[in-house]
Each structure stands twice: as structure tokens, then as C-alpha cells.
Amino acid sequence: MYHQLRKLRLQHQKTQTQIAALLRMSQSGYSKYETGENDIPTSVLIRLADYYGTSIDALLGVAEGTAPRE
């Protein structure tokens, strides 16, 4: 999931500082999301998915049909 955040950010030619500003947080705080040091709150996932025009599943790197079944 974390590599997907960086990939999307770079595809949109944005810096960590720019995305952090969008999320109203520090660059270092956002950086911890990209490295996996901090878990990403649901509210942030929603904002990022909306910003990038993608689903939360895609943002998390979950392909359709790959979710574990019970």
C-alpha cells in the first residue's frame, strides 16, 4: 500500500510537501505514511482517493478478487 502512495504522488508530479498541505499536515507526517512508519487514518485514505480519482481499494493496492474469503 505504501509504495502505491508514492507512485500516485509522483505520477501527479506532486511533492510530499504539496500532498501534506492538501491534507493539512506536516511533510514529515505524510512521509511516514509513504514509508509505512504510520498507519493511514480512514479519513486520510478517503481524501487521497478522492484527490487522485481512484478507489480506496486501488489506493491500498487491493485488486478485485484478491481479498481473502472467509
PDB file of N, CA and C in Angstrom:
ATOM      1  N   MET A   1       0.822  -1.186   0.000  1.00  0.00           N
ATOM      2  CA  MET A   1       0.000   0.000   0.000  1.00  0.00           C
ATOM      3  C   MET A   1       0.868   1.253   0.000  1.00  0.00           C
ATOM      4  N   TYR A   2       1.917   1.249   0.774  1.00  0.00           N
ATOM      5  CA  TYR A   2       2.700   2.465   0.942  1.00  0.00           C
ATOM      6  C   TYR A   2       3.402   2.881  -0.343  1.00  0.00           C
ATOM      7  N   HIS A   3       3.890   1.901  -1.098  1.00  0.00           N
ATOM      8  CA  HIS A   3       4.539   2.244  -2.364  1.00  0.00           C
ATOM      9  C   HIS A   3       3.539   2.847  -3.348  1.00  0.00           C
ATOM     10  N   GLN A   4       2.276   2.466  -3.222  1.00  0.00           N
ATOM     11  CA  GLN A   4       1.232   2.997  -4.104  1.00  0.00           C
ATOM     12  C   GLN A   4       1.037   4.496  -3.873  1.00  0.00           C
ATOM     13  N   LEU A   5       1.140   4.934  -2.633  1.00  0.00           N
ATOM     14  CA  LEU A   5       1.021   6.369  -2.339  1.00  0.00           C
ATOM     15  C   LEU A   5       2.103   7.162  -3.055  1.00  0.00           C
ATOM     16  N   ARG A   6       3.318   6.675  -2.969  1.00  0.00           N
ATOM     17  CA  ARG A   6       4.439   7.369  -3.625  1.00  0.00           C
ATOM     18  C   ARG A   6       4.261   7.359  -5.139  1.00  0.00           C
ATOM     19  N   LYS A   7       3.878   6.211  -5.664  1.00  0.00           N
ATOM     20  CA  LYS A   7       3.684   6.074  -7.108  1.00  0.00           C
ATOM     21  C   LYS A   7       2.638   7.068  -7.616  1.00  0.00           C
ATOM     22  N   LEU A   8       1.508   7.153  -6.946  1.00  0.00           N
ATOM     23  CA  LEU A   8       0.462   8.089  -7.364  1.00  0.00           C
ATOM     24  C   LEU A   8       0.929   9.540  -7.248  1.00  0.00           C
ATOM     25  N   ARG A   9       1.622   9.836  -6.157  1.00  0.00           N
ATOM     26  CA  ARG A   9       2.120  11.200  -5.956  1.00  0.00           C
ATOM     27  C   ARG A   9       3.064  11.598  -7.089  1.00  0.00           C
ATOM     28  N   LEU A  10       3.968  10.714  -7.430  1.00  0.00           N
ATOM     29  CA  LEU A  10       4.927  11.011  -8.496  1.00  0.00           C
ATOM     30  C   LEU A  10       4.247  11.095  -9.864  1.00  0.00           C
ATOM     31  N   GLN A  11       3.259  10.243 -10.104  1.00  0.00           N
ATOM     32  CA  GLN A  11       2.519  10.307 -11.373  1.00  0.00           C
ATOM     33  C   GLN A  11       1.808  11.648 -11.532  1.00  0.00           C
ATOM     34  N   HIS A  12       1.393  12.228 -10.426  1.00  0.00           N
ATOM     35  CA  HIS A  12       0.713  13.519 -10.459  1.00  0.00           C
ATOM     36  C   HIS A  12       1.688  14.689 -10.304  1.00  0.00           C
ATOM     37  N   GLN A  13       2.970  14.357 -10.319  1.00  0.00           N
ATOM     38  CA  GLN A  13       4.046  15.343 -10.233  1.00  0.00           C
ATOM     39  C   GLN A  13       3.873  16.282  -9.036  1.00  0.00           C
ATOM     40  N   LYS A  14       3.645  15.667  -7.893  1.00  0.00           N
ATOM     41  CA  LYS A  14       3.475  16.410  -6.646  1.00  0.00           C
ATOM     42  C   LYS A  14       4.590  16.040  -5.676  1.00  0.00           C
ATOM     43  N   THR A  15       4.919  16.975  -4.810  1.00  0.00           N
ATOM     44  CA  THR A  15       5.896  16.711  -3.757  1.00  0.00           C
ATOM     45  C   THR A  15       5.161  16.250  -2.502  1.00  0.00           C
ATOM     46  N   GLN A  16       5.909  15.675  -1.587  1.00  0.00           N
ATOM     47  CA  GLN A  16       5.315  15.307  -0.309  1.00  0.00           C
ATOM     48  C   GLN A  16       4.766  16.548   0.391  1.00  0.00           C
ATOM     49  N   THR A  17       5.453  17.661   0.254  1.00  0.00           N
ATOM     50  CA  THR A  17       5.007  18.905   0.878  1.00  0.00           C
ATOM     51  C   THR A  17       3.663  19.349   0.323  1.00  0.00           C
ATOM     52  N   GLN A  18       3.465  19.201  -0.975  1.00  0.00           N
ATOM     53  CA  GLN A  18       2.196  19.598  -1.592  1.00  0.00           C
ATOM     54  C   GLN A  18       1.041  18.710  -1.119  1.00  0.00           C
ATOM     55  N   ILE A  19       1.285  17.413  -1.058  1.00  0.00           N
ATOM     56  CA  ILE A  19       0.227  16.495  -0.597  1.00  0.00           C
ATOM     57  C   ILE A  19      -0.040  16.712   0.888  1.00  0.00           C
ATOM     58  N   ALA A  20       1.005  16.943   1.658  1.00  0.00           N
ATOM     59  CA  ALA A  20       0.823  17.216   3.083  1.00  0.00           C
ATOM     60  C   ALA A  20      -0.025  18.468   3.288  1.00  0.00           C
ATOM     61  N   ALA A  21       0.209  19.491   2.473  1.00  0.00           N
ATOM     62  CA  ALA A  21      -0.589  20.719   2.576  1.00  0.00           C
ATOM     63  C   ALA A  21      -2.054  20.434   2.258  1.00  0.00           C
ATOM     64  N   LEU A  22      -2.301  19.619   1.255  1.00  0.00           N
ATOM     65  CA  LEU A  22      -3.666  19.224   0.913  1.00  0.00           C
ATOM     66  C   LEU A  22      -4.350  18.558   2.100  1.00  0.00           C
ATOM     67  N   LEU A  23      -3.593  17.755   2.822  1.00  0.00           N
ATOM     68  CA  LEU A  23      -4.116  17.014   3.966  1.00  0.00           C
ATOM     69  C   LEU A  23      -4.048  17.818   5.269  1.00  0.00           C
ATOM     70  N   ARG A  24      -3.498  19.019   5.182  1.00  0.00           N
ATOM     71  CA  ARG A  24      -3.328  19.900   6.347  1.00  0.00           C
ATOM     72  C   ARG A  24      -2.511  19.229   7.441  1.00  0.00           C
ATOM     73  N   MET A  25      -1.343  18.754   7.028  1.00  0.00           N
ATOM     74  CA  MET A  25      -0.431  18.111   7.968  1.00  0.00           C
ATOM     75  C   MET A  25       1.002  18.441   7.567  1.00  0.00           C
ATOM     76  N   SER A  26       1.953  18.019   8.367  1.00  0.00           N
ATOM     77  CA  SER A  26       3.358  18.283   8.060  1.00  0.00           C
ATOM     78  C   SER A  26       3.866  17.322   6.989  1.00  0.00           C
ATOM     79  N   GLN A  27       4.930  17.739   6.323  1.00  0.00           N
ATOM     80  CA  GLN A  27       5.560  16.881   5.316  1.00  0.00           C
ATOM     81  C   GLN A  27       6.119  15.633   5.983  1.00  0.00           C
ATOM     82  N   SER A  28       6.696  15.798   7.160  1.00  0.00           N
ATOM     83  CA  SER A  28       7.279  14.635   7.838  1.00  0.00           C
ATOM     84  C   SER A  28       6.194  13.638   8.261  1.00  0.00           C
ATOM     85  N   GLY A  29       5.033  14.157   8.641  1.00  0.00           N
ATOM     86  CA  GLY A  29       3.918  13.270   8.971  1.00  0.00           C
ATOM     87  C   GLY A  29       3.444  12.492   7.762  1.00  0.00           C
ATOM     88  N   TYR A  30       3.340  13.169   6.623  1.00  0.00           N
ATOM     89  CA  TYR A  30       2.929  12.489   5.398  1.00  0.00           C
ATOM     90  C   TYR A  30       3.983  11.472   4.972  1.00  0.00           C
ATOM     91  N   SER A  31       5.237  11.839   5.108  1.00  0.00           N
ATOM     92  CA  SER A  31       6.328  10.935   4.731  1.00  0.00           C
ATOM     93  C   SER A  31       6.212   9.600   5.467  1.00  0.00           C
ATOM     94  N   LYS A  32       5.764   9.647   6.706  1.00  0.00           N
ATOM     95  CA  LYS A  32       5.622   8.422   7.491  1.00  0.00           C
ATOM     96  C   LYS A  32       4.523   7.521   6.934  1.00  0.00           C
ATOM     97  N   TYR A  33       3.556   8.086   6.237  1.00  0.00           N
ATOM     98  CA  TYR A  33       2.554   7.265   5.554  1.00  0.00           C
ATOM     99  C   TYR A  33       3.194   6.534   4.383  1.00  0.00           C
ATOM    100  N   GLU A  34       4.010   7.258   3.613  1.00  0.00           N
ATOM    101  CA  GLU A  34       4.639   6.642   2.432  1.00  0.00           C
ATOM    102  C   GLU A  34       5.639   5.561   2.793  1.00  0.00           C
ATOM    103  N   THR A  35       6.273   5.689   3.943  1.00  0.00           N
ATOM    104  CA  THR A  35       7.262   4.683   4.346  1.00  0.00           C
ATOM    105  C   THR A  35       6.647   3.549   5.156  1.00  0.00           C
ATOM    106  N   GLY A  36       5.391   3.713   5.564  1.00  0.00           N
ATOM    107  CA  GLY A  36       4.737   2.692   6.360  1.00  0.00           C
ATOM    108  C   GLY A  36       5.028   2.801   7.837  1.00  0.00           C
ATOM    109  N   GLU A  37       5.709   3.862   8.234  1.00  0.00           N
ATOM    110  CA  GLU A  37       6.021   4.054   9.651  1.00  0.00           C
ATOM    111  C   GLU A  37       4.748   4.319  10.464  1.00  0.00           C
ATOM    112  N   ASN A  38       3.788   5.021   9.855  1.00  0.00           N
ATOM    113  CA  ASN A  38       2.491   5.285  10.495  1.00  0.00           C
ATOM    114  C   ASN A  38       1.373   4.730   9.634  1.00  0.00           C
ATOM    115  N   ASP A  39       0.357   4.196  10.284  1.00  0.00           N
ATOM    116  CA  ASP A  39      -0.846   3.767   9.571  1.00  0.00           C
ATOM    117  C   ASP A  39      -1.615   4.998   9.103  1.00  0.00           C
ATOM    118  N   ILE A  40      -2.337   4.838   8.010  1.00  0.00           N
ATOM    119  CA  ILE A  40      -3.078   5.947   7.431  1.00  0.00           C
ATOM    120  C   ILE A  40      -4.518   5.901   7.934  1.00  0.00           C
ATOM    121  N   PRO A  41      -4.975   6.978   8.573  1.00  0.00           N
ATOM    122  CA  PRO A  41      -6.369   7.002   9.036  1.00  0.00           C
ATOM    123  C   PRO A  41      -7.342   6.926   7.861  1.00  0.00           C
ATOM    124  N   THR A  42      -8.506   6.376   8.123  1.00  0.00           N
ATOM    125  CA  THR A  42      -9.527   6.237   7.085  1.00  0.00           C
ATOM    126  C   THR A  42      -9.861   7.578   6.447  1.00  0.00           C
ATOM    127  N   SER A  43      -9.970   8.613   7.250  1.00  0.00           N
ATOM    128  CA  SER A  43     -10.312   9.936   6.708  1.00  0.00           C
ATOM    129  C   SER A  43      -9.264  10.415   5.702  1.00  0.00           C
ATOM    130  N   VAL A  44      -8.013  10.098   5.944  1.00  0.00           N
ATOM    131  CA  VAL A  44      -6.937  10.477   5.018  1.00  0.00           C
ATOM    132  C   VAL A  44      -7.015   9.632   3.754  1.00  0.00           C
ATOM    133  N   LEU A  45      -7.295   8.342   3.896  1.00  0.00           N
ATOM    134  CA  LEU A  45      -7.454   7.476   2.724  1.00  0.00           C
ATOM    135  C   LEU A  45      -8.569   7.993   1.815  1.00  0.00           C
ATOM    136  N   ILE A  46      -9.660   8.416   2.417  1.00  0.00           N
ATOM    137  CA  ILE A  46     -10.784   8.939   1.632  1.00  0.00           C
ATOM    138  C   ILE A  46     -10.367  10.193   0.873  1.00  0.00           C
ATOM    139  N   ARG A  47      -9.678  11.098   1.552  1.00  0.00           N
ATOM    140  CA  ARG A  47      -9.247  12.342   0.886  1.00  0.00           C
ATOM    141  C   ARG A  47      -8.265  12.059  -0.244  1.00  0.00           C
ATOM    142  N   LEU A  48      -7.338  11.140  -0.021  1.00  0.00           N
ATOM    143  CA  LEU A  48      -6.355  10.808  -1.057  1.00  0.00           C
ATOM    144  C   LEU A  48      -7.016  10.127  -2.253  1.00  0.00           C
ATOM    145  N   ALA A  49      -7.913   9.193  -1.989  1.00  0.00           N
ATOM    146  CA  ALA A  49      -8.605   8.517  -3.088  1.00  0.00           C
ATOM    147  C   ALA A  49      -9.403   9.521  -3.905  1.00  0.00           C
ATOM    148  N   ASP A  50     -10.060  10.446  -3.237  1.00  0.00           N
ATOM    149  CA  ASP A  50     -10.820  11.486  -3.929  1.00  0.00           C
ATOM    150  C   ASP A  50      -9.887  12.380  -4.744  1.00  0.00           C
ATOM    151  N   TYR A  51      -8.786  12.791  -4.154  1.00  0.00           N
ATOM    152  CA  TYR A  51      -7.830  13.666  -4.845  1.00  0.00           C
ATOM    153  C   TYR A  51      -7.260  12.992  -6.092  1.00  0.00           C
ATOM    154  N   TYR A  52      -6.869  11.743  -5.969  1.00  0.00           N
ATOM    155  CA  TYR A  52      -6.265  11.027  -7.092  1.00  0.00           C
ATOM    156  C   TYR A  52      -7.296  10.439  -8.046  1.00  0.00           C
ATOM    157  N   GLY A  53      -8.571  10.526  -7.703  1.00  0.00           N
ATOM    158  CA  GLY A  53      -9.622  10.000  -8.578  1.00  0.00           C
ATOM    159  C   GLY A  53      -9.585   8.492  -8.694  1.00  0.00           C
ATOM    160  N   THR A  54      -9.371   7.840  -7.579  1.00  0.00           N
ATOM    161  CA  THR A  54      -9.287   6.381  -7.568  1.00  0.00           C
ATOM    162  C   THR A  54     -10.076   5.846  -6.383  1.00  0.00           C
ATOM    163  N   SER A  55     -10.174   4.544  -6.292  1.00  0.00           N
ATOM    164  CA  SER A  55     -10.878   3.938  -5.165  1.00  0.00           C
ATOM    165  C   SER A  55      -9.893   3.730  -4.012  1.00  0.00           C
ATOM    166  N   ILE A  56     -10.439   3.545  -2.841  1.00  0.00           N
ATOM    167  CA  ILE A  56      -9.594   3.232  -1.690  1.00  0.00           C
ATOM    168  C   ILE A  56      -8.933   1.871  -1.898  1.00  0.00           C
ATOM    169  N   ASP A  57      -9.661   0.929  -2.493  1.00  0.00           N
ATOM    170  CA  ASP A  57      -9.061  -0.381  -2.786  1.00  0.00           C
ATOM    171  C   ASP A  57      -7.822  -0.230  -3.666  1.00  0.00           C
ATOM    172  N   ALA A  58      -7.934   0.586  -4.712  1.00  0.00           N
ATOM    173  CA  ALA A  58      -6.790   0.797  -5.599  1.00  0.00           C
ATOM    174  C   ALA A  58      -5.655   1.483  -4.850  1.00  0.00           C
ATOM    175  N   LEU A  59      -5.997   2.430  -4.011  1.00  0.00           N
ATOM    176  CA  LEU A  59      -5.002   3.141  -3.221  1.00  0.00           C
ATOM    177  C   LEU A  59      -4.259   2.185  -2.296  1.00  0.00           C
ATOM    178  N   LEU A  60      -4.991   1.216  -1.766  1.00  0.00           N
ATOM    179  CA  LEU A  60      -4.404   0.229  -0.876  1.00  0.00           C
ATOM    180  C   LEU A  60      -3.707  -0.897  -1.624  1.00  0.00           C
ATOM    181  N   GLY A  61      -3.871  -0.933  -2.941  1.00  0.00           N
ATOM    182  CA  GLY A  61      -3.250  -1.989  -3.737  1.00  0.00           C
ATOM    183  C   GLY A  61      -3.998  -3.288  -3.701  1.00  0.00           C
ATOM    184  N   VAL A  62      -5.293  -3.210  -3.403  1.00  0.00           N
ATOM    185  CA  VAL A  62      -6.133  -4.409  -3.354  1.00  0.00           C
ATOM    186  C   VAL A  62      -6.823  -4.562  -4.710  1.00  0.00           C
ATOM    187  N   ALA A  63      -6.455  -5.593  -5.425  1.00  0.00           N
ATOM    188  CA  ALA A  63      -7.082  -5.851  -6.723  1.00  0.00           C
ATOM    189  C   ALA A  63      -8.387  -6.606  -6.513  1.00  0.00           C
ATOM    190  N   GLU A  64      -9.341  -6.365  -7.382  1.00  0.00           N
ATOM    191  CA  GLU A  64     -10.620  -7.058  -7.277  1.00  0.00           C
ATOM    192  C   GLU A  64     -10.405  -8.560  -7.338  1.00  0.00           C
ATOM    193  N   GLY A  65     -11.056  -9.254  -6.438  1.00  0.00           N
ATOM    194  CA  GLY A  65     -10.948 -10.714  -6.434  1.00  0.00           C
ATOM    195  C   GLY A  65      -9.795 -11.254  -5.633  1.00  0.00           C
ATOM    196  N   THR A  66      -8.981 -10.380  -5.027  1.00  0.00           N
ATOM    197  CA  THR A  66      -7.843 -10.871  -4.268  1.00  0.00           C
ATOM    198  C   THR A  66      -8.053 -10.781  -2.759  1.00  0.00           C
ATOM    199  N   ALA A  67      -9.189 -10.246  -2.355  1.00  0.00           N
ATOM    200  CA  ALA A  67      -9.450 -10.149  -0.910  1.00  0.00           C
ATOM    201  C   ALA A  67      -9.665 -11.555  -0.348  1.00  0.00           C
ATOM    202  N   PRO A  68      -9.151 -11.783   0.848  1.00  0.00           N
ATOM    203  CA  PRO A  68      -9.336 -13.103   1.458  1.00  0.00           C
ATOM    204  C   PRO A  68     -10.809 -13.374   1.723  1.00  0.00           C
ATOM    205  N   ARG A  69     -11.185 -14.610   1.544  1.00  0.00           N
ATOM    206  CA  ARG A  69     -12.571 -15.019   1.789  1.00  0.00           C
ATOM    207  C   ARG A  69     -12.644 -15.824   3.058  1.00  0.00           C
ATOM    208  N   GLU A  70     -13.751 -15.668   3.736  1.00  0.00           N
ATOM    209  CA  GLU A  70     -13.938 -16.427   4.998  1.00  0.00           C
ATOM    210  C   GLU A  70     -14.821 -17.616   4.761  1.00  0.00           C
TER     211      GLU A  70
END
